[in-house]
Amino acid sequence: MPAFYGYNPYSSSSSIDSENEFSGIIEGQYYKDKTSLFQRAKNSFITLFSDEPEKKGYNLTLNYGDMMEGDNNKFMTKVRYDFGMINFHTAKLEMTDANSDRWTVPKDIISNGGDFDFKLRMEMLGFQHNKNGEQFHFSFARFDNKSDLYLTTEGESLVFFDKYIQMDMRLPNMNLFGLGERNREFNISSGAWSMWAKGAPVNQTVSYDDGSSGLQTYSVHPFLIAQSSRKGDFIGIFFRNTNSQSPVVYQNTDNTTTLSYITTGGKIETYFFIHNSVKGIVQDYMNIIGKPQLPPFWSFGW
């Protein structure tokens, strides 16, 4: 279940801030009143889908009582972050425990897009961030109008446990597409969109995915495309992670969308494809993960 709205205990304690790199350490302390924290998180989630919560049953199939801090689920008090550009349209954020290594997908299985290109300047994508000592946040905006945001994490939740990671961001539009194969409308609306390839029982029709979580079908694609505040202009977001994931989408009354990216392990490895057409976003995405391979001729049955 998501952390309650705006919960972000992390502030920058040290950073490298240049034209082409933003990296450093953020530090935070977990609230001592654990019961209060998770009760507030639970209440916040019920409020999030308050139309008919008892009928809709929105949940992440997680037991909030099992998510308390402890030896089996430690809160990360120091998190290292690295922000840089891969190419003219693509930036990458990596966040992990500053004190120990964590699992990441081997790049020979899923490409990581290569190293940062330090010849490129972050400001080319309208990148903005907090100052040292402030609560950690970042945003992307139009290069010529920094108030016209593509996305922002300012004032949103961020929490990093060993087995529960959440990063919230606000998007400027309600038009979202992607997050895996689903039996539903093309546009992703408010709901919890689990990504865990468990298939469907034999001889049973795949259930319609209404966003109540747990209804992921056959494939996991932690990638989405979102429209910006202007027609024909889009951004893409790719979460490079192989743990169970369950993003939560909430459409706000001001026609923006809050996206809570939630996963149960690994790192935050997020690619941001900024300011392009849908076709351009997909091309940039495939340049990161790699192109499909041509099957051998014999595999077609000849």
Protein backbone atom coordinates (compact mmCIF):
# COMPACT_ATOMS: atom_id res chain seq x y z
CA MET A 1 0.00 0.00 0.00
CA PRO A 2 1.32 3.42 -0.82
CA ALA A 3 2.95 5.67 1.73
CA PHE A 4 0.64 8.49 2.68
CA TYR A 5 0.61 11.54 0.42
CA GLY A 6 3.76 13.65 0.50
CA TYR A 7 5.79 11.33 2.76
CA ASN A 8 9.41 12.00 1.85
CA PRO A 9 11.94 11.97 4.72
CA TYR A 10 14.98 12.37 2.44
CA SER A 11 17.13 15.49 2.12
CA SER A 12 20.34 15.95 0.15
CA SER A 13 23.38 15.74 2.41
CA SER A 14 26.01 15.93 -0.32
CA SER A 15 25.84 16.33 -4.07
CA ILE A 16 27.71 16.86 -7.31
CA ASP A 17 25.80 19.41 -9.35
CA SER A 18 27.15 20.24 -12.79
CA GLU A 19 25.74 20.90 -16.25
CA ASN A 20 25.85 17.22 -17.15
CA GLU A 21 25.52 15.33 -13.86
CA PHE A 22 23.49 15.45 -10.66
CA SER A 23 24.50 12.87 -8.06
CA GLY A 24 25.08 12.46 -4.36
CA ILE A 25 23.64 11.11 -1.12
CA ILE A 26 20.24 11.72 0.44
CA GLU A 27 19.60 10.90 4.09
CA GLY A 28 16.43 10.37 6.07
CA GLN A 29 15.07 8.87 9.27
CA TYR A 30 12.08 6.59 9.46
CA TYR A 31 9.26 7.82 11.71
CA LYS A 32 9.52 6.21 15.15
CA ASP A 33 5.75 5.83 15.42
CA LYS A 34 5.53 2.98 12.91
CA THR A 35 1.92 2.07 13.64
CA SER A 36 0.85 5.65 13.05
CA LEU A 37 2.80 5.83 9.78
CA PHE A 38 1.23 2.77 8.23
CA GLN A 39 -2.22 3.52 9.58
CA ARG A 40 -1.96 6.93 7.93
CA ALA A 41 -0.79 5.21 4.75
CA LYS A 42 -3.78 2.89 4.86
CA ASN A 43 -6.19 5.76 5.50
CA SER A 44 -4.59 7.77 2.71
CA PHE A 45 -5.07 4.87 0.28
CA ILE A 46 -8.73 4.48 1.24
CA THR A 47 -9.19 8.21 0.74
CA LEU A 48 -7.45 7.99 -2.62
CA PHE A 49 -10.25 5.81 -3.98
CA SER A 50 -13.02 7.08 -1.76
CA ASP A 51 -15.94 6.87 -4.24
CA GLU A 52 -16.88 3.32 -3.23
CA PRO A 53 -13.80 1.76 -1.65
CA GLU A 54 -15.70 -1.21 -0.25
CA LYS A 55 -16.97 -2.10 -3.74
CA LYS A 56 -13.94 -1.21 -5.81
CA GLY A 57 -11.56 -3.00 -3.47
CA TYR A 58 -8.48 -1.18 -4.67
CA ASN A 59 -5.46 -2.74 -3.03
CA LEU A 60 -1.94 -3.80 -3.86
CA THR A 61 -2.33 -7.33 -2.44
CA LEU A 62 0.17 -6.32 0.24
CA ASN A 63 -0.33 -6.62 3.97
CA TYR A 64 0.61 -3.28 5.48
CA GLY A 65 1.26 -5.01 8.80
CA ASP A 66 4.08 -6.98 7.15
CA MET A 67 5.80 -3.82 5.95
CA MET A 68 6.99 -2.58 9.31
CA GLU A 69 10.65 -1.73 9.59
CA GLY A 70 12.75 -4.60 10.96
CA ASP A 71 15.66 -6.91 10.27
CA ASN A 72 13.82 -8.33 7.25
CA ASN A 73 12.77 -4.96 5.86
CA LYS A 74 15.19 -2.25 6.83
CA PHE A 75 14.62 1.40 6.07
CA MET A 76 17.43 2.86 3.96
CA THR A 77 18.73 5.86 5.87
CA LYS A 78 21.27 6.73 3.14
CA VAL A 79 20.42 6.46 -0.54
CA ARG A 80 22.81 7.21 -3.37
CA TYR A 81 21.41 8.81 -6.51
CA ASP A 82 22.92 9.41 -9.95
CA PHE A 83 21.26 11.46 -12.67
CA GLY A 84 22.65 11.87 -16.18
CA MET A 85 21.79 11.87 -19.86
CA ILE A 86 22.01 8.90 -22.20
CA ASN A 87 21.22 10.85 -25.38
CA PHE A 88 19.50 14.07 -26.50
CA HIS A 89 16.03 12.87 -25.45
CA THR A 90 16.81 10.46 -22.60
CA ALA A 91 17.84 10.94 -18.97
CA LYS A 92 18.44 8.19 -16.42
CA LEU A 93 17.99 8.15 -12.64
CA GLU A 94 19.52 5.42 -10.49
CA MET A 95 18.83 5.23 -6.73
CA THR A 96 20.15 2.55 -4.40
CA ASP A 97 21.29 1.87 -0.86
CA ALA A 98 24.46 3.88 -0.22
CA ASN A 99 25.82 1.26 2.21
CA SER A 100 25.48 -1.99 0.25
CA ASP A 101 24.98 -3.36 -3.25
CA ARG A 102 21.50 -4.29 -4.45
CA TRP A 103 20.24 -6.48 -7.26
CA THR A 104 20.12 -4.97 -10.71
CA VAL A 105 19.22 -6.58 -14.01
CA PRO A 106 22.40 -7.77 -15.77
CA LYS A 107 22.95 -5.62 -18.85
CA ASP A 108 23.55 -8.71 -21.01
CA ILE A 109 19.91 -9.69 -20.30
CA ILE A 110 18.30 -6.25 -20.60
CA SER A 111 20.46 -3.44 -21.91
CA ASN A 112 21.02 -0.50 -19.57
CA GLY A 113 21.54 1.94 -22.42
CA GLY A 114 25.23 2.42 -21.75
CA ASP A 115 27.03 5.02 -19.70
CA PHE A 116 26.08 8.65 -19.24
CA ASP A 117 27.10 10.98 -22.05
CA PHE A 118 28.81 13.80 -20.18
CA LYS A 119 29.02 15.91 -23.32
CA LEU A 120 25.27 16.55 -22.97
CA ARG A 121 23.83 19.09 -20.53
CA MET A 122 20.91 18.17 -18.25
CA GLU A 123 19.34 21.59 -18.84
CA MET A 124 18.65 20.50 -22.44
CA LEU A 125 15.72 18.51 -21.01
CA GLY A 126 14.62 21.32 -18.67
CA PHE A 127 15.98 19.44 -15.67
CA GLN A 128 15.51 21.12 -12.26
CA HIS A 129 16.24 19.84 -8.76
CA ASN A 130 16.41 20.69 -5.08
CA LYS A 131 19.29 22.54 -3.48
CA ASN A 132 21.65 20.86 -1.03
CA GLY A 133 19.97 20.40 2.35
CA GLU A 134 16.45 20.59 0.93
CA GLN A 135 13.98 17.74 0.54
CA PHE A 136 15.01 15.65 -2.46
CA HIS A 137 13.00 16.27 -5.62
CA PHE A 138 13.46 16.86 -9.33
CA SER A 139 11.46 17.84 -12.40
CA PHE A 140 11.61 18.11 -16.19
CA ALA A 141 10.14 21.08 -18.02
CA ARG A 142 10.16 22.82 -21.37
CA PHE A 143 13.60 24.23 -22.02
CA ASP A 144 12.17 27.68 -22.82
CA ASN A 145 9.48 27.67 -20.09
CA LYS A 146 10.50 26.04 -16.80
CA SER A 147 6.97 26.40 -15.39
CA ASP A 148 5.56 24.10 -18.10
CA LEU A 149 6.40 20.78 -16.45
CA TYR A 150 6.64 17.36 -18.04
CA LEU A 151 6.76 15.77 -14.59
CA THR A 152 7.74 16.68 -11.04
CA THR A 153 8.40 14.86 -7.76
CA GLU A 154 8.28 18.01 -5.61
CA GLY A 155 5.90 17.50 -2.69
CA GLU A 156 5.37 13.83 -3.62
CA SER A 157 6.20 10.66 -1.67
CA LEU A 158 9.53 8.85 -1.67
CA VAL A 159 10.36 5.88 0.56
CA PHE A 160 13.11 3.25 0.29
CA PHE A 161 12.87 0.04 2.34
CA ASP A 162 14.68 -3.19 1.59
CA LYS A 163 11.46 -4.81 0.30
CA TYR A 164 9.28 -1.80 -0.42
CA ILE A 165 10.27 1.11 -2.65
CA GLN A 166 7.96 3.93 -3.70
CA MET A 167 8.58 7.01 -5.82
CA ASP A 168 5.70 9.33 -6.71
CA MET A 169 5.60 11.82 -9.53
CA ARG A 170 3.00 14.19 -10.91
CA LEU A 171 2.27 14.21 -14.64
CA PRO A 172 0.54 17.12 -16.44
CA ASN A 173 -2.17 15.10 -18.22
CA MET A 174 -4.60 12.22 -17.68
CA ASN A 175 -3.66 10.43 -20.90
CA LEU A 176 -1.43 7.50 -19.90
CA PHE A 177 -0.72 4.37 -21.94
CA GLY A 178 1.27 1.20 -21.30
CA LEU A 179 2.27 -0.75 -18.16
CA GLY A 180 2.03 -4.18 -19.73
CA GLU A 181 -0.48 -6.40 -21.50
CA ARG A 182 -3.97 -5.95 -20.09
CA ASN A 183 -7.54 -6.88 -20.91
CA ARG A 184 -8.96 -3.34 -20.71
CA GLU A 185 -9.22 0.02 -22.50
CA PHE A 186 -6.03 1.44 -23.97
CA ASN A 187 -5.94 4.48 -21.69
CA ILE A 188 -4.74 3.73 -18.13
CA SER A 189 -7.08 5.30 -15.56
CA SER A 190 -7.03 5.48 -11.74
CA GLY A 191 -6.15 2.16 -10.16
CA ALA A 192 -3.39 -0.21 -9.07
CA TRP A 193 -1.75 -1.78 -12.13
CA SER A 194 0.17 -4.87 -11.02
CA MET A 195 3.01 -6.13 -13.18
CA TRP A 196 3.62 -9.79 -12.46
CA ALA A 197 3.41 -12.30 -15.34
CA LYS A 198 1.25 -15.01 -13.81
CA GLY A 199 -0.98 -15.77 -16.79
CA ALA A 200 -4.51 -17.11 -16.43
CA PRO A 201 -5.89 -20.53 -15.49
CA VAL A 202 -6.23 -23.05 -18.32
CA ASN A 203 -9.55 -22.81 -20.22
CA GLN A 204 -10.52 -19.65 -18.38
CA THR A 205 -11.14 -16.27 -19.95
CA VAL A 206 -8.73 -13.61 -18.76
CA SER A 207 -10.51 -11.31 -16.33
CA TYR A 208 -11.13 -7.71 -17.27
CA ASP A 209 -8.52 -5.58 -15.53
CA ASP A 210 -10.37 -2.84 -13.64
CA GLY A 211 -7.29 -1.57 -11.81
CA SER A 212 -7.95 -3.40 -8.55
CA SER A 213 -4.49 -5.04 -8.89
CA GLY A 214 -3.45 -8.66 -9.21
CA LEU A 215 -4.94 -9.11 -12.71
CA GLN A 216 -1.74 -8.90 -14.78
CA THR A 217 -1.87 -11.40 -17.63
CA TYR A 218 1.06 -12.68 -19.68
CA SER A 219 3.71 -10.01 -20.11
CA VAL A 220 5.46 -7.38 -18.04
CA HIS A 221 6.45 -4.12 -19.69
CA PRO A 222 7.28 -1.49 -17.03
CA PHE A 223 7.04 1.29 -19.57
CA LEU A 224 4.44 3.99 -20.08
CA ILE A 225 3.80 6.95 -22.35
CA ALA A 226 2.11 10.09 -21.04
CA GLN A 227 0.88 13.13 -22.91
CA SER A 228 2.30 16.47 -21.86
CA SER A 229 0.21 19.62 -21.49
CA ARG A 230 0.35 20.09 -25.28
CA LYS A 231 -1.25 18.02 -28.02
CA GLY A 232 1.17 15.79 -29.90
CA ASP A 233 3.91 16.12 -27.27
CA PHE A 234 4.69 13.11 -25.06
CA ILE A 235 7.09 11.70 -22.50
CA GLY A 236 7.98 8.08 -21.80
CA ILE A 237 9.09 6.43 -18.56
CA PHE A 238 10.81 3.03 -18.34
CA PHE A 239 11.35 1.33 -14.96
CA ARG A 240 14.20 -1.18 -15.37
CA ASN A 241 13.33 -3.67 -12.65
CA THR A 242 12.50 -7.41 -12.52
CA ASN A 243 10.90 -7.48 -9.06
CA SER A 244 7.14 -7.44 -8.60
CA GLN A 245 5.81 -3.98 -9.40
CA SER A 246 2.44 -2.37 -8.85
CA PRO A 247 2.21 1.24 -9.99
CA VAL A 248 -0.75 3.19 -8.64
CA VAL A 249 -2.35 5.83 -10.85
CA TYR A 250 -4.61 8.56 -9.49
CA GLN A 251 -6.26 11.16 -11.71
CA ASN A 252 -6.47 14.50 -9.93
CA THR A 253 -9.28 17.04 -10.14
CA ASP A 254 -6.96 19.54 -11.88
CA ASN A 255 -6.57 17.11 -14.84
CA THR A 256 -3.08 16.04 -13.75
CA THR A 257 -2.10 12.50 -12.78
CA THR A 258 -0.18 11.23 -9.76
CA LEU A 259 1.84 8.11 -10.51
CA SER A 260 3.13 6.06 -7.57
CA TYR A 261 5.79 3.67 -8.80
CA ILE A 262 5.98 0.79 -6.28
CA THR A 263 8.26 -2.24 -6.33
CA THR A 264 9.35 -4.86 -3.80
CA GLY A 265 13.10 -4.82 -4.38
CA GLY A 266 16.13 -3.96 -6.45
CA LYS A 267 17.02 -0.38 -7.30
CA ILE A 268 15.22 2.54 -8.81
CA GLU A 269 16.51 2.56 -12.39
CA THR A 270 14.28 4.92 -14.31
CA TYR A 271 14.67 6.27 -17.83
CA PHE A 272 12.87 9.46 -18.83
CA PHE A 273 12.22 10.04 -22.54
CA ILE A 274 11.38 13.72 -22.78
CA HIS A 275 9.62 15.80 -25.46
CA ASN A 276 8.88 13.68 -28.50
CA SER A 277 6.12 12.10 -30.56
CA VAL A 278 4.79 8.66 -29.60
CA LYS A 279 6.81 7.14 -32.43
CA GLY A 280 9.93 8.96 -31.27
CA ILE A 281 9.41 7.86 -27.65
CA VAL A 282 9.07 4.20 -28.71
CA GLN A 283 12.22 4.49 -30.84
CA ASP A 284 14.16 5.95 -27.91
CA TYR A 285 12.83 3.18 -25.65
CA MET A 286 13.92 0.46 -28.08
CA ASN A 287 17.34 2.08 -28.37
CA ILE A 288 17.69 1.42 -24.62
CA ILE A 289 16.34 -2.14 -24.35
CA GLY A 290 17.44 -3.33 -27.78
CA LYS A 291 15.69 -4.27 -31.02
CA PRO A 292 13.81 -7.56 -31.57
CA GLN A 293 15.89 -10.31 -33.15
CA LEU A 294 14.86 -11.87 -36.44
CA PRO A 295 13.76 -15.48 -35.74
CA PRO A 296 15.58 -18.23 -37.66
CA PHE A 297 13.83 -19.35 -40.84
CA TRP A 298 13.24 -22.89 -39.55
CA SER A 299 11.25 -21.58 -36.55
CA PHE A 300 8.39 -20.62 -38.87
CA GLY A 301 7.76 -24.31 -39.61
CA TRP A 302 9.35 -24.56 -43.03
